[in-house]
Amino acid sequence: MDEFGIKKRKFSLGETDKERRNNLIIIILSVLLIVVISVFVSQHNENKKILAALNMEKASIQSELSTMMVNYDSIHTNNESLQTELSGAQTKVKDLLQEVEQIKKVSYGQIEQYRLQVTTMRNIMKNYIIQVDSLNRRNEMLMAENAQVKENYAQSETKNQQLEKEKQHLQEKVKEAQLLEATELTAVGINSRGKDAESARRAEQIKVSFVLSKNVTAPRGNKMIYVRIQKPNQVLFQESANDLFQFEDLKIPYSAKREVTYEGNALPVNIFWDNKGQEFLPGEYTVDVFADGNNIGTAKFLMKR
């Protein structure tokens, strides 16, 4: 009994040795069971952590491989050999990504192996990027040089065209300066005595008179002067169908012609058309004078009845 009158009971594994032995075994087994359960729970939790870490590593590898696939899609080159190599490397990345995606349980060994492969593939991709960038920069330089060459050529062509235009313009100016001019151009009908005849009935010839103007730049020497005379009915006087001369790109008929010697000074010229006994039509006649392939003068005159 204690001081409060409570009877103390003494702890005992049993009354007999057998009871005590059995109870001790039970206690020991219980402790062992608790220890085993604790170890199992701890190991299970550790395995879950390891599995989670391995799955994170797997997801990381998948992400890196997917990024590499996108990067390969963005690499382009016109070099066929290099483009073939790029396609082959991209296929390897794609195959490894599919392999990683299909594996259900991954081990540390597999993760290490995949990591090594990813590192190797990343370095290969970086090398390709450097090669493609180098080729692209060189192509850009060549394109810039080509564009500059084209621009220089275009500028040269433009300058040559401008010079050619200036040359043609100068030639035209020189040609214009060399053109002869039939000044004081007149035409009248004349009778058998060479007198002016205003009446168409009395006229037997048409006399065309003019002065070849003075021109120190015009070519000198013999020149053929052609005259075209149109009747009031717009029909051209022409002695023969073969009476033609060159005017621009055509051969056109003429009524009369005369060769003169021109030395650069003013030269009076008379050219006649003989109607050979036929009566002239009354009305307005048109006369054109040509020299050196150019129309150098035009005049009109009237014959009365």
Protein backbone atom coordinates (compact mmCIF):
# COMPACT_ATOMS: atom_id res chain seq x y z
CA MET A 1 0.00 0.00 0.00
CA ASP A 2 1.19 3.52 -0.70
CA GLU A 3 0.52 6.49 1.52
CA PHE A 4 -2.84 6.97 -0.05
CA GLY A 5 -3.88 3.38 0.53
CA ILE A 6 -3.57 2.27 -3.05
CA LYS A 7 -2.19 -1.18 -3.60
CA LYS A 8 0.75 -1.29 -5.95
CA ARG A 9 0.89 -4.01 -8.61
CA LYS A 10 4.24 -5.32 -9.69
CA PHE A 11 4.85 -5.51 -13.49
CA SER A 12 5.26 -9.09 -14.57
CA LEU A 13 5.63 -10.98 -17.83
CA GLY A 14 3.67 -13.82 -16.32
CA GLU A 15 3.36 -16.10 -13.43
CA THR A 16 5.22 -18.96 -14.94
CA ASP A 17 8.38 -19.21 -17.02
CA LYS A 18 6.40 -20.33 -20.03
CA GLU A 19 4.11 -17.32 -19.84
CA ARG A 20 7.02 -15.00 -19.42
CA ARG A 21 8.83 -16.55 -22.43
CA ASN A 22 5.79 -16.35 -24.68
CA ASN A 23 5.03 -12.78 -23.69
CA LEU A 24 8.65 -11.77 -24.31
CA ILE A 25 8.54 -13.32 -27.77
CA ILE A 26 5.34 -11.43 -28.52
CA ILE A 27 6.91 -8.18 -27.41
CA ILE A 28 10.02 -8.76 -29.48
CA LEU A 29 7.98 -9.69 -32.56
CA SER A 30 5.80 -6.62 -32.08
CA VAL A 31 8.86 -4.40 -31.91
CA LEU A 32 10.32 -6.05 -34.98
CA LEU A 33 7.01 -5.64 -36.81
CA ILE A 34 6.94 -1.96 -35.93
CA VAL A 35 10.55 -1.58 -37.12
CA VAL A 36 9.81 -3.44 -40.39
CA ILE A 37 6.70 -1.38 -41.03
CA SER A 38 8.64 1.81 -40.34
CA VAL A 39 11.44 0.76 -42.69
CA PHE A 40 8.90 -0.25 -45.37
CA VAL A 41 7.05 3.06 -45.12
CA SER A 42 10.31 4.97 -45.19
CA GLN A 43 11.59 2.97 -48.16
CA HIS A 44 8.26 3.38 -49.97
CA ASN A 45 8.39 7.15 -49.47
CA GLU A 46 12.00 7.22 -50.66
CA ASN A 47 11.09 5.20 -53.75
CA LYS A 48 8.25 7.61 -54.50
CA LYS A 49 10.69 10.52 -54.27
CA ILE A 50 13.18 8.73 -56.53
CA LEU A 51 10.46 7.86 -59.04
CA ALA A 52 9.21 11.48 -59.02
CA ALA A 53 12.78 12.73 -59.60
CA LEU A 54 13.29 10.26 -62.44
CA ASN A 55 9.99 11.30 -64.05
CA MET A 56 11.04 14.95 -63.76
CA GLU A 57 14.31 14.12 -65.45
CA LYS A 58 12.42 12.25 -68.16
CA ALA A 59 10.09 15.23 -68.68
CA SER A 60 13.11 17.55 -68.81
CA ILE A 61 14.76 15.37 -71.46
CA GLN A 62 11.52 15.30 -73.47
CA SER A 63 11.29 19.08 -73.27
CA GLU A 64 14.89 19.52 -74.45
CA LEU A 65 14.36 17.11 -77.34
CA SER A 66 11.12 18.91 -78.33
CA THR A 67 12.97 22.24 -78.25
CA MET A 68 15.68 20.77 -80.46
CA MET A 69 13.04 19.63 -82.96
CA VAL A 70 11.66 23.18 -83.11
CA ASN A 71 15.17 24.58 -83.51
CA TYR A 72 15.93 22.19 -86.37
CA ASP A 73 12.72 23.33 -88.09
CA SER A 74 14.01 26.91 -87.97
CA ILE A 75 17.38 26.07 -89.58
CA HIS A 76 17.33 26.51 -93.35
CA THR A 77 20.10 26.47 -95.93
CA ASN A 78 20.36 26.29 -99.71
CA ASN A 79 23.35 23.97 -99.40
CA GLU A 80 21.88 20.58 -100.38
CA SER A 81 24.59 18.49 -98.68
CA LEU A 82 24.28 20.38 -95.39
CA GLN A 83 20.48 20.29 -95.57
CA THR A 84 20.64 16.49 -95.93
CA GLU A 85 22.82 16.27 -92.80
CA LEU A 86 20.38 18.51 -90.92
CA SER A 87 17.46 16.28 -91.88
CA GLY A 88 19.37 13.20 -90.68
CA ALA A 89 20.23 14.80 -87.33
CA GLN A 90 16.63 15.94 -86.86
CA THR A 91 15.41 12.38 -87.51
CA LYS A 92 17.71 11.06 -84.77
CA VAL A 93 16.31 13.61 -82.32
CA LYS A 94 12.77 12.64 -83.29
CA ASP A 95 13.51 8.92 -82.82
CA LEU A 96 15.04 9.49 -79.38
CA LEU A 97 12.07 11.65 -78.34
CA GLN A 98 9.67 8.87 -79.33
CA GLU A 99 11.75 6.32 -77.41
CA VAL A 100 11.72 8.44 -74.25
CA GLU A 101 7.98 9.09 -74.56
CA GLN A 102 7.17 5.37 -74.91
CA ILE A 103 9.20 4.13 -71.90
CA LYS A 104 7.00 3.57 -68.83
CA LYS A 105 9.54 3.13 -66.04
CA VAL A 106 12.87 4.82 -66.34
CA SER A 107 16.02 4.03 -64.39
CA TYR A 108 19.01 6.09 -63.33
CA GLY A 109 21.09 4.28 -65.92
CA GLN A 110 18.66 5.13 -68.70
CA ILE A 111 18.47 8.77 -67.58
CA GLU A 112 22.26 9.03 -67.66
CA GLN A 113 22.35 7.45 -71.11
CA TYR A 114 19.64 9.79 -72.41
CA ARG A 115 21.41 12.79 -70.88
CA LEU A 116 24.61 11.89 -72.71
CA GLN A 117 22.72 11.50 -75.98
CA VAL A 118 20.90 14.83 -75.50
CA THR A 119 24.18 16.60 -74.77
CA THR A 120 25.77 15.10 -77.89
CA MET A 121 22.78 16.01 -80.04
CA ARG A 122 22.72 19.56 -78.65
CA ASN A 123 26.40 20.03 -79.49
CA ILE A 124 25.79 18.66 -83.01
CA MET A 125 22.89 21.09 -83.47
CA LYS A 126 25.00 24.03 -82.27
CA ASN A 127 27.68 23.07 -84.79
CA TYR A 128 25.07 23.00 -87.58
CA ILE A 129 23.72 26.38 -86.48
CA ILE A 130 27.23 27.84 -86.68
CA GLN A 131 27.74 26.36 -90.16
CA VAL A 132 24.37 27.59 -91.44
CA ASP A 133 24.87 31.06 -89.96
CA SER A 134 28.29 31.23 -91.58
CA LEU A 135 26.88 30.16 -94.95
CA ASN A 136 23.95 32.56 -94.64
CA ARG A 137 26.25 35.46 -93.77
CA ARG A 138 28.45 34.61 -96.73
CA ASN A 139 25.41 34.35 -98.97
CA GLU A 140 24.19 37.71 -97.69
CA MET A 141 27.60 39.20 -98.44
CA LEU A 142 27.59 37.67 -101.93
CA MET A 143 24.03 38.88 -102.50
CA ALA A 144 25.01 42.36 -101.32
CA GLU A 145 28.04 42.31 -103.61
CA ASN A 146 25.88 41.04 -106.46
CA ALA A 147 23.31 43.75 -105.78
CA GLN A 148 26.10 46.34 -105.78
CA VAL A 149 27.46 44.97 -109.05
CA LYS A 150 23.97 45.08 -110.55
CA GLU A 151 23.49 48.61 -109.26
CA ASN A 152 26.84 49.67 -110.69
CA TYR A 153 25.97 47.98 -113.97
CA ALA A 154 22.56 49.67 -114.00
CA GLN A 155 24.19 53.02 -113.29
CA SER A 156 26.72 52.36 -116.04
CA GLU A 157 23.93 51.36 -118.42
CA THR A 158 21.96 54.45 -117.48
CA LYS A 159 25.02 56.59 -118.03
CA ASN A 160 25.73 54.88 -121.36
CA GLN A 161 22.13 55.34 -122.41
CA GLN A 162 22.32 58.96 -121.39
CA LEU A 163 25.54 59.36 -123.35
CA GLU A 164 23.95 57.60 -126.31
CA LYS A 165 20.95 59.91 -126.10
CA GLU A 166 23.24 62.91 -125.90
CA LYS A 167 25.20 61.54 -128.85
CA GLN A 168 22.02 61.01 -130.86
CA HIS A 169 20.78 64.44 -129.84
CA LEU A 170 24.09 65.94 -130.93
CA GLN A 171 23.96 64.01 -134.17
CA GLU A 172 20.44 65.24 -134.73
CA LYS A 173 21.59 68.77 -134.03
CA VAL A 174 24.48 68.36 -136.46
CA LYS A 175 22.11 66.81 -138.99
CA GLU A 176 19.67 69.66 -138.51
CA ALA A 177 22.49 72.13 -138.89
CA GLN A 178 23.49 70.44 -142.16
CA LEU A 179 19.98 70.57 -143.61
CA LEU A 180 19.57 72.65 -146.71
CA GLU A 181 16.62 75.00 -147.04
CA ALA A 182 14.79 76.07 -150.16
CA THR A 183 14.19 79.77 -149.55
CA GLU A 184 12.22 82.14 -151.75
CA LEU A 185 10.32 79.11 -153.07
CA THR A 186 7.78 79.99 -155.77
CA ALA A 187 5.98 78.12 -158.54
CA VAL A 188 4.13 79.58 -161.52
CA GLY A 189 2.71 78.47 -164.83
CA ILE A 190 4.58 79.75 -167.91
CA ASN A 191 3.65 79.90 -171.59
CA SER A 192 5.63 78.88 -174.68
CA ARG A 193 7.61 82.13 -174.55
CA GLY A 194 8.65 81.57 -170.93
CA LYS A 195 6.34 84.25 -169.59
CA ASP A 196 4.20 83.85 -166.54
CA ALA A 197 0.79 82.51 -167.34
CA GLU A 198 -1.83 82.66 -164.65
CA SER A 199 -4.38 80.90 -166.81
CA ALA A 200 -4.34 77.10 -166.87
CA ARG A 201 -5.35 77.17 -170.56
CA ARG A 202 -2.32 79.24 -171.58
CA ALA A 203 0.32 77.57 -169.41
CA GLU A 204 2.49 74.87 -170.95
CA GLN A 205 5.03 74.39 -168.13
CA ILE A 206 5.35 74.86 -164.39
CA LYS A 207 8.45 76.69 -163.25
CA VAL A 208 9.65 76.01 -159.69
CA SER A 209 12.21 78.57 -158.43
CA PHE A 210 14.07 78.69 -155.12
CA VAL A 211 17.42 79.42 -153.56
CA LEU A 212 19.43 76.72 -151.76
CA SER A 213 20.37 78.54 -148.58
CA LYS A 214 23.94 79.16 -147.50
CA ASN A 215 25.15 76.47 -145.09
CA VAL A 216 28.84 76.03 -144.26
CA THR A 217 28.18 72.74 -142.37
CA ALA A 218 26.26 71.01 -145.16
CA PRO A 219 28.12 68.44 -147.30
CA ARG A 220 29.35 69.94 -150.53
CA GLY A 221 29.38 68.53 -154.03
CA ASN A 222 26.83 67.30 -156.51
CA LYS A 223 23.28 67.06 -155.20
CA MET A 224 20.12 65.76 -156.81
CA ILE A 225 17.11 67.99 -156.21
CA TYR A 226 13.66 66.38 -156.54
CA VAL A 227 10.36 68.19 -157.01
CA ARG A 228 6.88 66.80 -156.43
CA ILE A 229 3.96 68.71 -157.94
CA GLN A 230 0.40 67.78 -157.00
CA LYS A 231 -2.54 68.78 -159.15
CA PRO A 232 -5.66 70.35 -157.65
CA ASN A 233 -7.22 66.86 -157.68
CA GLN A 234 -4.30 65.58 -155.50
CA VAL A 235 -2.83 63.54 -158.38
CA LEU A 236 0.95 63.78 -158.70
CA PHE A 237 2.60 64.75 -161.95
CA GLN A 238 4.89 61.83 -162.87
CA GLU A 239 6.51 61.03 -166.20
CA SER A 240 7.33 57.38 -165.41
CA ALA A 241 6.33 54.92 -162.73
CA ASN A 242 10.05 54.29 -162.21
CA ASP A 243 10.71 57.92 -161.24
CA LEU A 244 11.29 57.24 -157.54
CA PHE A 245 13.68 58.54 -154.86
CA GLN A 246 14.55 57.56 -151.30
CA PHE A 247 12.72 59.48 -148.59
CA GLU A 248 13.20 58.20 -145.05
CA ASP A 249 12.35 54.46 -145.23
CA LEU A 250 10.36 54.64 -148.47
CA LYS A 251 10.84 55.16 -152.14
CA ILE A 252 8.35 57.78 -153.32
CA PRO A 253 7.62 59.18 -156.82
CA TYR A 254 8.80 62.56 -158.04
CA SER A 255 7.68 64.88 -160.84
CA ALA A 256 10.99 66.43 -161.89
CA LYS A 257 14.62 66.48 -160.76
CA ARG A 258 17.83 68.38 -161.36
CA GLU A 259 21.43 67.84 -160.31
CA VAL A 260 23.30 70.88 -158.99
CA THR A 261 26.76 71.50 -157.59
CA TYR A 262 26.58 72.96 -154.11
CA GLU A 263 29.59 74.66 -152.49
CA GLY A 264 28.00 75.96 -149.31
CA ASN A 265 26.89 79.31 -150.70
CA ALA A 266 23.38 80.43 -151.68
CA LEU A 267 22.52 78.82 -154.99
CA PRO A 268 19.49 79.83 -157.18
CA VAL A 269 17.78 76.83 -158.81
CA ASN A 270 15.00 76.52 -161.39
CA ILE A 271 13.25 73.24 -162.17
CA PHE A 272 10.56 72.80 -164.83
CA TRP A 273 7.67 70.48 -165.44
CA ASP A 274 6.56 70.24 -169.09
CA ASN A 275 2.92 69.22 -169.46
CA LYS A 276 3.64 68.15 -173.06
CA GLY A 277 0.73 69.85 -174.70
CA GLN A 278 -1.86 68.77 -172.15
CA GLU A 279 -3.98 71.44 -170.52
CA PHE A 280 -3.47 72.14 -166.85
CA LEU A 281 -6.35 71.91 -164.45
CA PRO A 282 -7.44 75.16 -162.85
CA GLY A 283 -7.05 75.31 -159.09
CA GLU A 284 -4.42 75.16 -156.36
CA TYR A 285 -1.20 73.19 -156.90
CA THR A 286 1.20 71.99 -154.20
CA VAL A 287 4.97 71.88 -154.69
CA ASP A 288 7.45 70.04 -152.44
CA VAL A 289 11.23 70.23 -152.86
CA PHE A 290 13.58 67.48 -151.59
CA ALA A 291 17.36 67.29 -151.18
CA ASP A 292 19.59 64.80 -149.30
CA GLY A 293 16.48 62.78 -148.41
CA ASN A 294 14.79 65.73 -146.69
CA ASN A 295 11.83 67.94 -147.53
CA ILE A 296 13.48 71.36 -147.74
CA GLY A 297 10.54 73.46 -148.85
CA THR A 298 6.82 73.54 -149.66
CA ALA A 299 4.76 76.07 -151.59
CA LYS A 300 1.33 76.40 -153.19
CA PHE A 301 0.26 78.32 -156.26
CA LEU A 302 -2.99 78.94 -158.14
CA MET A 303 -3.83 78.54 -161.79
CA LYS A 304 -6.95 80.29 -162.97
CA ARG A 305 -9.20 79.11 -165.75
